[in-house]
């Protein structure tokens, strides 16, 4: 792909062996199954745990992990009226997360009727890592994507720069 220069002067980080650059991810995004152990923890409770997640990979974004509903403790998920629209995946619906005395508003989302390309995530649930106590991929605690709009999961094997920081909206 070569060196990519962005509007504010940042440059693509060259991945080391075993790493992925988000600048090598496609647009429109790709959907990829993973057998990595994906875990979501909140309020001292393991809300989700799976080796059957799907990753959405989109240029400039760290992966978003979608977890099958069978591997999520749905008793903590409260459907809400909020929706949003993705040009690639379709209309998203949201959950509040209620764990103990904590209520995390719009902390997770899913696509009840995704576009045909993303049929593989129908009903699968994604969590904002910034709103959880911790999220893990294969035991590694993830860092949330900057800006908290997209909900990407950053691990040591993913390099950017990442969309989400101030000044990156137009990427």
Protein backbone atom coordinates (compact mmCIF):
# COMPACT_ATOMS: atom_id res chain seq x y z
CA UNK A 1 0.00 0.00 0.00
CA UNK A 2 2.92 2.34 0.60
CA UNK A 3 3.08 5.30 2.92
CA UNK A 4 -0.22 7.06 3.44
CA UNK A 5 -0.19 10.75 4.38
CA UNK A 6 -3.20 12.01 6.25
CA UNK A 7 -4.70 15.48 6.44
CA UNK A 8 -2.93 16.45 9.66
CA UNK A 9 0.44 14.87 8.84
CA UNK A 10 0.19 11.48 10.54
CA UNK A 11 1.59 8.53 8.68
CA UNK A 12 0.66 4.88 8.44
CA UNK A 13 2.53 2.83 11.02
CA UNK A 14 4.39 0.00 9.33
CA UNK A 15 3.26 -3.27 10.93
CA UNK A 16 5.85 -5.61 12.41
CA UNK A 17 5.64 -9.36 11.76
CA UNK A 18 2.44 -10.68 13.34
CA UNK A 19 0.74 -7.26 13.28
CA UNK A 20 -2.01 -5.82 11.07
CA UNK A 21 -2.31 -2.23 9.89
CA UNK A 22 -5.82 -0.83 9.87
CA UNK A 23 -4.75 0.92 6.66
CA UNK A 24 -4.62 -2.48 4.96
CA UNK A 25 -8.24 -3.22 5.89
CA UNK A 26 -10.71 -2.80 3.01
CA UNK A 27 -13.44 -0.32 2.27
CA UNK A 28 -16.20 -1.41 2.16
CA UNK A 29 -15.39 -3.37 5.32
CA UNK A 30 -14.78 -7.10 5.50
CA UNK A 31 -16.32 -9.62 7.87
CA UNK A 32 -13.99 -12.24 9.32
CA UNK A 33 -14.67 -15.11 11.72
CA UNK A 34 -12.19 -15.56 14.56
CA UNK A 35 -11.58 -18.34 17.06
CA UNK A 36 -9.66 -16.02 19.41
CA UNK A 37 -11.08 -15.90 22.93
CA UNK A 38 -13.14 -12.69 23.18
CA UNK A 39 -14.35 -11.61 26.64
CA UNK A 40 -16.32 -8.66 28.01
CA UNK A 41 -16.34 -7.88 31.73
CA UNK A 42 -18.52 -5.39 33.57
CA UNK A 43 -19.31 -4.95 37.26
CA UNK A 44 -17.30 -8.02 38.17
CA UNK A 45 -19.39 -10.16 35.80
CA UNK A 46 -18.19 -11.84 32.62
CA UNK A 47 -20.93 -10.50 30.34
CA UNK A 48 -19.71 -12.27 27.21
CA UNK A 49 -17.20 -14.97 26.36
CA UNK A 50 -16.75 -16.68 23.00
CA UNK A 51 -14.42 -18.25 20.48
CA UNK A 52 -17.05 -17.69 17.77
CA UNK A 53 -16.85 -13.93 17.27
CA UNK A 54 -16.93 -12.11 13.98
CA UNK A 55 -14.56 -9.19 13.32
CA UNK A 56 -15.52 -6.24 11.13
CA UNK A 57 -12.39 -4.85 9.48
CA UNK A 58 -12.63 -1.37 7.95
CA UNK A 59 -9.95 0.99 6.70
CA UNK A 60 -8.58 3.22 9.50
CA UNK A 61 -10.57 1.42 12.25
CA UNK A 62 -9.45 -1.17 14.77
CA UNK A 63 -11.57 -4.33 14.55
CA UNK A 64 -15.01 -4.41 16.12
CA UNK A 65 -15.86 -7.80 17.60
CA UNK A 66 -19.42 -9.10 17.28
CA UNK A 67 -20.35 -11.86 19.71
CA UNK A 68 -23.08 -14.47 19.14
CA UNK A 69 -26.04 -13.78 21.45
CA UNK A 70 -25.79 -17.36 22.82
CA UNK A 71 -22.40 -16.37 24.28
CA UNK A 72 -23.68 -13.16 25.95
CA UNK A 73 -25.40 -12.94 29.33
CA UNK A 74 -28.53 -11.36 27.85
CA UNK A 75 -30.13 -10.88 31.27
CA UNK A 76 -27.88 -7.80 31.61
CA UNK A 77 -28.88 -6.37 28.20
CA UNK A 78 -31.89 -4.03 28.05
CA UNK A 79 -33.15 -3.16 24.54
CA UNK A 80 -33.63 0.58 24.03
CA UNK A 81 -35.26 2.68 21.31
CA UNK A 82 -31.96 4.12 20.00
CA UNK A 83 -30.90 3.27 16.44
CA UNK A 84 -28.18 4.33 14.05
CA UNK A 85 -27.45 3.64 10.41
CA UNK A 86 -24.29 2.27 8.83
CA UNK A 87 -24.00 2.57 5.07
CA UNK A 88 -22.40 -0.91 4.95
CA UNK A 89 -24.20 -2.91 7.64
CA UNK A 90 -27.63 -1.29 7.81
CA UNK A 91 -29.72 -0.18 10.81
CA UNK A 92 -28.26 -0.88 14.26
CA UNK A 93 -30.23 -1.26 17.49
CA UNK A 94 -28.80 -0.72 20.98
CA UNK A 95 -28.75 -2.16 24.47
CA UNK A 96 -28.24 -0.55 27.82
CA UNK A 97 -26.24 -2.75 30.14
CA UNK A 98 -27.56 -3.11 33.70
CA UNK A 99 -25.13 -4.82 36.08
CA UNK A 100 -25.75 -4.52 39.80
CA UNK A 101 -26.45 -0.85 40.50
CA UNK A 102 -24.75 0.30 37.29
CA UNK A 103 -26.63 1.32 34.18
CA UNK A 104 -24.46 1.82 31.09
CA UNK A 105 -26.48 3.57 28.42
CA UNK A 106 -26.17 2.41 24.81
CA UNK A 107 -23.16 0.28 25.75
CA UNK A 108 -23.76 -2.39 23.10
CA UNK A 109 -25.32 -2.65 19.67
CA UNK A 110 -26.38 -5.20 17.09
CA UNK A 111 -27.87 -5.46 13.60
CA UNK A 112 -31.27 -7.20 13.65
CA UNK A 113 -31.51 -7.10 9.83
CA UNK A 114 -28.05 -6.43 8.37
CA UNK A 115 -27.31 -5.99 4.70
CA UNK A 116 -26.63 -9.24 2.78
CA UNK A 117 -22.84 -8.76 2.96
CA UNK A 118 -23.05 -8.69 6.78
CA UNK A 119 -25.63 -11.44 7.31
CA UNK A 120 -22.98 -13.22 9.39
CA UNK A 121 -23.46 -10.74 12.26
CA UNK A 122 -27.27 -10.84 12.36
CA UNK A 123 -28.15 -10.47 16.04
CA UNK A 124 -24.49 -10.63 17.15
CA UNK A 125 -23.65 -8.08 19.85
CA UNK A 126 -20.78 -5.58 19.89
CA UNK A 127 -19.68 -3.77 23.05
CA UNK A 128 -17.95 -0.41 23.44
CA UNK A 129 -14.74 -1.38 25.28
CA UNK A 130 -14.47 2.12 26.78
CA UNK A 131 -17.73 1.57 28.67
CA UNK A 132 -16.84 -1.87 30.04
CA UNK A 133 -14.55 -2.62 32.99
CA UNK A 134 -12.39 -4.65 30.62
CA UNK A 135 -12.48 -6.40 27.27
CA UNK A 136 -9.99 -9.06 26.24
CA UNK A 137 -8.79 -10.81 23.10
CA UNK A 138 -6.88 -14.02 23.86
CA UNK A 139 -6.24 -12.76 27.39
CA UNK A 140 -4.88 -9.36 26.28
CA UNK A 141 -6.77 -6.39 27.69
CA UNK A 142 -7.84 -4.18 24.80
CA UNK A 143 -7.61 -0.43 24.50
CA UNK A 144 -10.70 1.32 23.14
CA UNK A 145 -10.67 3.17 19.85
CA UNK A 146 -10.19 6.91 20.39
CA UNK A 147 -13.30 9.05 20.42
CA UNK A 148 -15.75 6.29 21.49
CA UNK A 149 -17.84 6.62 18.34
CA UNK A 150 -16.89 3.44 16.47
CA UNK A 151 -16.17 0.98 19.27
CA UNK A 152 -13.00 -0.61 17.87
CA UNK A 153 -10.78 -2.91 19.95
CA UNK A 154 -7.03 -2.15 19.89
CA UNK A 155 -4.58 -4.93 20.72
CA UNK A 156 -0.82 -5.16 20.35
CA UNK A 157 -1.20 -6.83 16.97
CA UNK A 158 -3.13 -3.86 15.47
CA UNK A 159 -1.39 -0.63 14.37
CA UNK A 160 -2.79 2.69 13.13
CA UNK A 161 -3.08 5.58 13.33
CA UNK A 162 -6.75 5.09 14.13
CA UNK A 163 -9.77 7.13 13.17
CA UNK A 164 -11.51 8.66 16.19
CA UNK A 165 -9.07 11.22 17.53
CA UNK A 166 -9.84 14.94 17.05
CA UNK A 167 -9.14 15.92 13.45
CA UNK A 168 -9.75 12.45 12.00
CA UNK A 169 -13.46 12.72 11.19
CA UNK A 170 -12.79 13.40 7.49
CA UNK A 171 -10.55 10.40 6.90
